[in-house]
Amino acid sequence: MCLLNPVDRIKNSPTSTLRVVRTNLRLAHLVLHSKHKAVYDDAESAKLVTTFCQFFVDKVNRIHDNISQELQSSSTRRAFAVRPHQGPALSSFQPVTIEEVRMLLSATPSKSSPLDVLPCSLLKSCSEVFAPAIARLANLPKFPARYKRVQVLPLLKKTGLDSSSPANYRPISNPATISKVIERLLLTRLRPHLLGSTNFSEFQSAYWKGHSTESTLLEILDDVYTAADNKEVTVLIGLDLSAAFDTVDHEILLEHLQTEFRVEGMPLTWLRSYLDGQTQYVKIGQHQSTAIQLEVGVPQGSVLGPILFASYASPVADVIASHGVQYHQYADDMQLRLAMRADNTSTGQSVLAACTADVRTACSSKRTNQKH
């Protein structure tokens, strides 16, 4: 849609034309994004940045404490078996090449992060200069400490919610562009190993090429229709983890990668350095909060976070399968389903109840390190 009249574009001088274009672009931006962002005055922003930052941290601590108390008071404790990894270990990363970085930069969107020292467009246009430096950073045995800082922008989850309540906001993280580039380079080396393991859930549709919400829906509907053809009803239970990415325990994740996926040596050391020392701060307008160090969680908005979480959640699949219940996972969402005769549902309901209880215990034990 062109907001500038073509006649005006011809008549006006280049300076006037540019001024009108900029004005119209700003208006278009306000129209397109006004439903998603809360607008605060300067004084209010100064107070809110600290409120939001502390709320996001307190929320995770609250979930962690509640889970710890529940596990300690539970009378039904169950140990879940460790699954041995079948296949070779991942004990080193293939060195990153300069040409590989050049190709990645050319495919990187030009959108810059607020944390970028240089605009992304400059990185792309001068890739011959920056590619060797980025390749060197990616080949370091540890993740560069300066790229562990993330800016968070609180966005209202949906229109109509109370904008004065921090609980109604979703923290949108924005790492530096070079951080994302380094992560993508390492992801190409980590992903094949994790996805190739028999311990990675085969019914996890997120972060797989050729898998999507559409393929998930098709499979579930096919099973439901097949059961209906066999005169059976299907009971489906949807489960969702609260603040799933934010409550990942680093020690449990690293131990899990080592024992069940045989990630060891330099890759394991690199991933530990990537997780340790992550910090975030909230910025609204010109005001920002003090940076807070994150003791748990995988960075939202990051490149490696999703695949690390999917690996972290994979063992739950065995817990579900042990009950003979069908399931599907999509990131932190799970669907449990069981077909049963309409005239005899009591047995099936008991199986689902036991399965749900074990899933709850398994997920809880993965979200808090009882050794600390």
Protein backbone atom coordinates (compact mmCIF):
# COMPACT_ATOMS: atom_id res chain seq x y z
CA MET A 1 0.00 0.00 0.00
CA CYS A 2 1.47 3.38 -1.02
CA LEU A 3 0.56 6.19 1.33
CA LEU A 4 2.25 8.85 -0.79
CA ASN A 5 0.32 10.34 -3.69
CA PRO A 6 2.27 9.71 -6.97
CA VAL A 7 1.56 13.28 -8.14
CA ASP A 8 3.04 14.69 -4.94
CA ARG A 9 6.03 12.46 -5.42
CA ILE A 10 6.68 14.08 -8.80
CA LYS A 11 6.02 17.66 -7.73
CA ASN A 12 7.87 17.65 -4.44
CA SER A 13 11.61 17.99 -4.05
CA PRO A 14 13.59 14.87 -2.97
CA THR A 15 13.89 16.28 0.56
CA SER A 16 10.15 16.86 0.87
CA THR A 17 9.41 13.44 -0.57
CA LEU A 18 11.70 11.75 1.95
CA ARG A 19 10.10 13.66 4.82
CA VAL A 20 6.61 12.61 3.73
CA VAL A 21 7.69 8.98 3.31
CA ARG A 22 9.18 8.90 6.80
CA THR A 23 6.03 10.43 8.29
CA ASN A 24 3.80 7.90 6.56
CA LEU A 25 6.01 4.99 7.58
CA ARG A 26 5.80 6.07 11.21
CA LEU A 27 2.01 6.31 10.96
CA ALA A 28 1.80 2.90 9.32
CA HIS A 29 3.97 1.42 12.08
CA LEU A 30 1.70 2.84 14.78
CA VAL A 31 -1.41 1.48 13.04
CA LEU A 32 0.07 -1.99 12.55
CA HIS A 33 1.49 -2.41 16.03
CA SER A 34 -0.86 -0.43 18.26
CA LYS A 35 -2.80 -3.55 19.22
CA HIS A 36 0.27 -5.35 20.50
CA LYS A 37 2.18 -2.76 22.50
CA ALA A 38 1.21 -0.93 25.61
CA VAL A 39 2.08 2.76 25.52
CA TYR A 40 3.49 4.31 28.70
CA ASP A 41 4.65 7.80 29.53
CA ASP A 42 8.26 8.44 30.49
CA ALA A 43 7.77 8.43 34.26
CA GLU A 44 5.69 5.27 34.22
CA SER A 45 8.26 3.48 32.03
CA ALA A 46 11.02 4.25 34.52
CA LYS A 47 9.13 2.43 37.28
CA LEU A 48 7.77 -0.42 35.17
CA VAL A 49 11.09 -1.73 33.85
CA THR A 50 12.11 -2.83 37.35
CA THR A 51 8.63 -4.19 38.12
CA PHE A 52 8.55 -6.31 34.97
CA CYS A 53 12.09 -7.61 35.35
CA GLN A 54 11.53 -8.68 38.94
CA PHE A 55 8.14 -10.21 38.13
CA PHE A 56 9.56 -12.46 35.41
CA VAL A 57 12.27 -13.71 37.80
CA ASP A 58 9.90 -14.13 40.76
CA LYS A 59 7.48 -16.13 38.62
CA VAL A 60 10.15 -18.73 37.85
CA ASN A 61 11.30 -18.86 41.48
CA ARG A 62 7.71 -19.36 42.61
CA ILE A 63 7.20 -22.29 40.23
CA HIS A 64 10.51 -23.80 41.32
CA ASP A 65 9.63 -23.55 45.03
CA ASN A 66 6.14 -24.99 44.52
CA ILE A 67 7.54 -27.99 42.64
CA SER A 68 10.20 -28.59 45.29
CA GLN A 69 7.61 -28.55 48.06
CA GLU A 70 5.31 -30.85 46.12
CA LEU A 71 8.08 -33.39 45.48
CA GLN A 72 9.19 -33.34 49.10
CA SER A 73 5.66 -33.87 50.41
CA SER A 74 4.69 -36.48 47.81
CA SER A 75 4.15 -39.99 49.17
CA THR A 76 4.41 -41.57 45.71
CA ARG A 77 8.00 -41.08 44.58
CA ARG A 78 9.04 -42.89 41.41
CA ALA A 79 12.46 -43.28 39.85
CA PHE A 80 12.56 -43.06 36.08
CA ALA A 81 15.14 -45.19 34.29
CA VAL A 82 17.99 -43.59 32.36
CA ARG A 83 17.96 -44.63 28.71
CA PRO A 84 21.39 -45.52 27.28
CA HIS A 85 22.33 -43.71 24.08
CA GLN A 86 22.71 -45.96 21.06
CA GLY A 87 25.41 -44.75 18.71
CA PRO A 88 28.58 -42.64 18.73
CA ALA A 89 29.21 -39.83 21.18
CA LEU A 90 29.45 -36.18 20.23
CA SER A 91 32.86 -35.24 21.63
CA SER A 92 33.89 -32.47 19.24
CA PHE A 93 32.45 -29.91 16.86
CA GLN A 94 33.52 -29.66 13.24
CA PRO A 95 35.48 -26.38 12.90
CA VAL A 96 33.48 -23.45 11.54
CA THR A 97 34.82 -22.13 8.24
CA ILE A 98 34.89 -18.54 7.00
CA GLU A 99 32.90 -19.49 3.90
CA GLU A 100 30.24 -21.08 6.11
CA VAL A 101 29.89 -17.82 8.03
CA ARG A 102 29.66 -15.82 4.79
CA MET A 103 26.84 -18.01 3.52
CA LEU A 104 24.99 -17.76 6.83
CA LEU A 105 25.31 -13.97 6.94
CA SER A 106 23.92 -13.68 3.42
CA ALA A 107 20.83 -15.67 4.48
CA THR A 108 20.38 -13.77 7.77
CA PRO A 109 17.45 -11.30 7.88
CA SER A 110 18.57 -7.67 7.93
CA LYS A 111 16.65 -6.87 11.11
CA SER A 112 19.02 -5.65 13.82
CA SER A 113 18.85 -6.24 17.56
CA PRO A 114 18.92 -3.33 20.05
CA LEU A 115 22.11 -4.92 21.42
CA ASP A 116 23.94 -4.78 18.10
CA VAL A 117 26.99 -2.51 18.02
CA LEU A 118 26.85 -2.62 14.23
CA PRO A 119 23.66 -2.85 12.17
CA CYS A 120 22.95 -6.26 10.69
CA SER A 121 22.92 -4.78 7.18
CA LEU A 122 26.55 -3.74 7.66
CA LEU A 123 27.54 -7.25 8.80
CA LYS A 124 25.94 -8.64 5.65
CA SER A 125 27.37 -6.12 3.21
CA CYS A 126 30.87 -6.40 4.71
CA SER A 127 30.86 -10.15 5.31
CA GLU A 128 34.39 -10.50 3.87
CA VAL A 129 35.63 -8.40 6.82
CA PHE A 130 33.44 -9.80 9.60
CA ALA A 131 33.22 -13.50 8.62
CA PRO A 132 36.77 -14.38 9.80
CA ALA A 133 36.17 -12.74 13.19
CA ILE A 134 32.82 -14.50 13.67
CA ALA A 135 34.32 -17.84 12.62
CA ARG A 136 37.03 -17.38 15.24
CA LEU A 137 34.42 -16.62 17.92
CA ALA A 138 32.40 -19.70 16.93
CA ASN A 139 35.49 -21.92 17.17
CA LEU A 140 36.29 -20.87 20.73
CA PRO A 141 35.91 -23.64 23.34
CA LYS A 142 33.39 -21.47 25.22
CA PHE A 143 30.48 -19.25 24.26
CA PRO A 144 31.64 -15.59 24.26
CA ALA A 145 30.62 -13.99 27.56
CA ARG A 146 29.72 -10.61 26.04
CA TYR A 147 26.85 -12.19 24.08
CA LYS A 148 25.07 -13.63 27.12
CA ARG A 149 23.14 -10.41 27.68
CA VAL A 150 19.54 -10.28 26.44
CA GLN A 151 17.08 -7.39 26.24
CA VAL A 152 13.46 -8.23 27.09
CA LEU A 153 10.43 -6.36 25.79
CA PRO A 154 7.11 -7.09 27.61
CA LEU A 155 4.24 -7.47 25.12
CA LEU A 156 0.60 -7.82 26.11
CA LYS A 157 -0.48 -11.42 25.41
CA LYS A 158 -3.71 -10.38 23.74
CA THR A 159 -5.96 -7.39 23.30
CA GLY A 160 -8.37 -6.70 26.17
CA LEU A 161 -6.20 -7.95 29.04
CA ASP A 162 -5.48 -5.69 32.00
CA SER A 163 -2.39 -3.76 30.92
CA SER A 164 -1.53 -2.89 34.53
CA SER A 165 -0.86 -6.54 35.49
CA PRO A 166 2.62 -7.92 34.68
CA ALA A 167 1.10 -11.42 34.56
CA ASN A 168 -0.65 -10.50 31.31
CA TYR A 169 2.61 -9.84 29.48
CA ARG A 170 4.86 -12.15 27.51
CA PRO A 171 8.62 -11.50 27.81
CA ILE A 172 10.03 -11.23 24.28
CA SER A 173 13.81 -11.69 24.32
CA ASN A 174 16.12 -10.11 21.77
CA PRO A 175 19.73 -11.38 21.74
CA ALA A 176 22.46 -9.73 19.70
CA THR A 177 22.67 -10.71 16.02
CA ILE A 178 26.20 -12.12 16.35
CA SER A 179 24.97 -14.27 19.25
CA LYS A 180 22.31 -15.76 16.99
CA VAL A 181 24.81 -16.31 14.17
CA ILE A 182 27.18 -18.21 16.48
CA GLU A 183 24.28 -20.27 17.82
CA ARG A 184 23.13 -21.18 14.29
CA LEU A 185 26.64 -22.34 13.42
CA LEU A 186 26.75 -24.60 16.47
CA LEU A 187 23.16 -25.76 15.92
CA THR A 188 24.12 -27.30 12.58
CA ARG A 189 26.60 -29.46 14.48
CA LEU A 190 24.43 -30.30 17.49
CA ARG A 191 21.06 -30.91 15.83
CA PRO A 192 21.99 -33.98 13.69
CA HIS A 193 23.39 -35.76 16.73
CA LEU A 194 20.36 -35.08 18.94
CA LEU A 195 17.73 -35.83 16.29
CA GLY A 196 19.59 -38.96 15.23
CA SER A 197 19.43 -40.45 18.72
CA THR A 198 16.78 -43.03 19.54
CA ASN A 199 16.25 -41.13 22.78
CA PHE A 200 14.87 -38.06 21.02
CA SER A 201 11.08 -38.31 21.09
CA GLU A 202 9.84 -39.53 17.70
CA PHE A 203 6.51 -37.78 18.28
CA GLN A 204 8.00 -34.34 18.90
CA SER A 205 6.86 -32.27 15.93
CA ALA A 206 8.51 -28.98 16.85
CA TYR A 207 11.92 -28.07 15.42
CA TRP A 208 11.91 -30.96 12.91
CA LYS A 209 12.10 -30.36 9.19
CA GLY A 210 8.87 -31.61 7.61
CA HIS A 211 7.01 -31.55 10.93
CA SER A 212 4.60 -28.83 11.99
CA THR A 213 1.35 -28.13 13.81
CA GLU A 214 -0.38 -29.28 10.64
CA SER A 215 1.30 -32.69 10.61
CA THR A 216 0.54 -33.03 14.33
CA LEU A 217 -3.14 -32.30 13.77
CA LEU A 218 -3.36 -34.70 10.83
CA GLU A 219 -1.92 -37.59 12.83
CA ILE A 220 -4.17 -37.01 15.84
CA LEU A 221 -7.31 -36.70 13.69
CA ASP A 222 -6.38 -39.83 11.74
CA ASP A 223 -6.12 -41.82 14.98
CA VAL A 224 -9.43 -40.42 16.26
CA TYR A 225 -11.25 -41.24 13.00
CA THR A 226 -9.73 -44.74 12.90
CA ALA A 227 -10.93 -45.39 16.44
CA ALA A 228 -14.40 -44.14 15.51
CA ASP A 229 -14.49 -46.58 12.59
CA ASN A 230 -13.76 -49.32 15.14
CA LYS A 231 -16.70 -48.19 17.30
CA GLU A 232 -14.40 -46.65 19.90
CA VAL A 233 -14.33 -43.22 21.51
CA THR A 234 -11.10 -41.33 22.03
CA VAL A 235 -10.33 -39.41 25.21
CA LEU A 236 -7.71 -36.71 24.68
CA ILE A 237 -5.95 -34.79 27.45
CA GLY A 238 -4.00 -31.64 26.63
CA LEU A 239 -1.10 -30.75 28.90
CA ASP A 240 0.89 -27.52 28.96
CA LEU A 241 3.90 -26.66 31.12
CA SER A 242 3.92 -23.29 32.83
CA ALA A 243 6.97 -21.19 31.87
CA ALA A 244 8.49 -24.33 30.38
CA PHE A 245 11.58 -22.80 28.77
CA ASP A 246 12.21 -20.53 31.75
CA THR A 247 12.30 -23.34 34.32
CA VAL A 248 14.80 -25.70 32.70
CA ASP A 249 17.34 -26.74 35.33
CA HIS A 250 20.83 -26.34 33.85
CA GLU A 251 22.45 -29.18 35.79
CA ILE A 252 19.67 -31.62 34.94
CA LEU A 253 19.81 -30.59 31.27
CA LEU A 254 23.58 -31.02 31.05
CA GLU A 255 23.47 -34.34 32.89
CA HIS A 256 20.70 -35.48 30.57
CA LEU A 257 22.66 -34.49 27.45
CA GLN A 258 25.66 -36.38 28.76
CA THR A 259 23.96 -39.60 29.89
CA GLU A 260 21.13 -39.99 27.37
CA PHE A 261 22.63 -38.32 24.30
CA ARG A 262 26.38 -38.78 24.97
CA VAL A 263 27.28 -35.17 24.45
CA GLU A 264 30.69 -34.94 26.09
CA GLY A 265 34.05 -33.22 26.03
CA MET A 266 34.28 -29.85 24.31
CA PRO A 267 30.59 -29.72 23.14
CA LEU A 268 29.38 -30.28 26.70
CA THR A 269 31.81 -27.66 28.05
CA TRP A 270 30.66 -25.21 25.37
CA LEU A 271 26.98 -25.76 26.21
CA ARG A 272 27.68 -25.28 29.91
CA SER A 273 29.39 -21.97 29.19
CA TYR A 274 26.43 -21.00 26.98
CA LEU A 275 23.92 -21.60 29.79
CA ASP A 276 25.95 -20.20 32.70
CA GLY A 277 25.97 -16.48 33.29
CA GLN A 278 23.05 -15.53 31.04
CA THR A 279 21.59 -12.15 32.02
CA GLN A 280 18.53 -10.20 30.97
CA TYR A 281 17.10 -6.76 31.48
CA VAL A 282 13.79 -5.14 30.57
CA LYS A 283 13.66 -1.99 28.46
CA ILE A 284 10.60 0.20 27.85
CA GLY A 285 11.12 3.40 25.91
CA GLN A 286 14.39 4.97 27.03
CA HIS A 287 14.42 3.25 30.42
CA GLN A 288 15.92 -0.11 31.30
CA SER A 289 16.17 -2.19 34.45
CA THR A 290 19.27 -3.55 36.12
CA ALA A 291 20.45 -6.78 34.49
CA ILE A 292 19.55 -9.93 36.43
CA GLN A 293 21.46 -13.20 36.13
CA LEU A 294 19.36 -16.22 35.15
CA GLU A 295 20.05 -19.30 37.27
CA VAL A 296 17.67 -21.55 35.31
CA GLY A 297 16.04 -21.67 31.89
CA VAL A 298 17.11 -21.69 28.27
CA PRO A 299 17.09 -18.24 26.64
CA GLN A 300 13.80 -17.46 24.90
CA GLY A 301 14.34 -15.91 21.51
CA SER A 302 17.58 -17.83 21.18
CA VAL A 303 18.48 -20.31 18.44
CA LEU A 304 19.68 -23.19 20.63
CA GLY A 305 16.96 -22.89 23.28
CA PRO A 306 14.24 -24.82 21.39
CA ILE A 307 16.34 -27.90 20.52
CA LEU A 308 17.80 -28.01 24.03
CA PHE A 309 14.31 -27.91 25.52
CA ALA A 310 13.03 -30.62 23.15
CA SER A 311 15.91 -32.88 24.21
CA TYR A 312 15.24 -32.06 27.85
CA ALA A 313 11.56 -33.04 27.50
CA SER A 314 12.13 -36.20 25.43
CA PRO A 315 12.27 -38.71 28.36
CA VAL A 316 8.63 -37.96 29.18
CA ALA A 317 7.72 -39.87 26.00
CA ASP A 318 8.88 -43.14 27.57
CA VAL A 319 6.79 -42.49 30.67
CA ILE A 320 3.68 -42.04 28.51
CA ALA A 321 4.43 -45.04 26.29
CA SER A 322 4.88 -47.31 29.33
CA HIS A 323 1.14 -46.91 29.99
CA GLY A 324 0.19 -47.84 26.43
CA VAL A 325 -1.14 -44.34 25.84
CA GLN A 326 -0.70 -42.59 22.50
CA TYR A 327 0.81 -39.13 22.64
CA HIS A 328 2.18 -36.24 20.67
CA GLN A 329 4.48 -33.40 21.67
CA TYR A 330 4.88 -29.96 20.19
CA ALA A 331 7.48 -27.98 22.11
CA ASP A 332 6.03 -27.70 25.63
CA ASP A 333 2.54 -28.92 24.64
CA MET A 334 1.57 -32.58 25.03
CA GLN A 335 -1.54 -34.47 24.01
CA LEU A 336 -2.34 -37.81 25.63
CA ARG A 337 -5.02 -39.90 23.95
CA LEU A 338 -6.53 -43.32 24.41
CA ALA A 339 -9.23 -45.10 22.42
CA MET A 340 -11.75 -47.19 24.38
CA ARG A 341 -15.11 -48.86 24.05
CA ALA A 342 -17.98 -46.46 24.73
CA ASP A 343 -19.72 -49.01 26.95
CA ASN A 344 -16.63 -49.62 29.10
CA THR A 345 -14.60 -46.45 29.71
CA SER A 346 -13.67 -46.99 33.36
CA THR A 347 -10.50 -48.99 32.59
CA GLY A 348 -9.33 -46.48 30.01
CA GLN A 349 -9.97 -43.56 32.34
CA SER A 350 -7.91 -45.26 35.07
CA VAL A 351 -5.03 -45.76 32.65
CA LEU A 352 -5.13 -42.10 31.63
CA ALA A 353 -5.28 -40.96 35.25
CA ALA A 354 -2.21 -43.04 36.16
CA CYS A 355 -0.37 -41.84 33.05
CA THR A 356 -1.15 -38.19 33.77
CA ALA A 357 0.06 -38.56 37.36
CA ASP A 358 3.36 -40.09 36.21
CA VAL A 359 3.84 -37.40 33.59
CA ARG A 360 3.31 -34.74 36.25
CA THR A 361 5.90 -36.39 38.51
CA ALA A 362 8.38 -36.83 35.67
CA CYS A 363 8.04 -33.22 34.51
CA SER A 364 8.32 -31.92 38.07
CA SER A 365 11.49 -33.92 38.76
CA LYS A 366 13.04 -32.45 35.58
CA ARG A 367 12.35 -28.87 36.66
CA THR A 368 14.08 -28.76 40.00
CA ASN A 369 17.45 -30.16 41.02
CA GLN A 370 16.94 -31.86 44.37
CA LYS A 371 20.70 -32.11 44.88
CA HIS A 372 20.98 -28.32 45.40
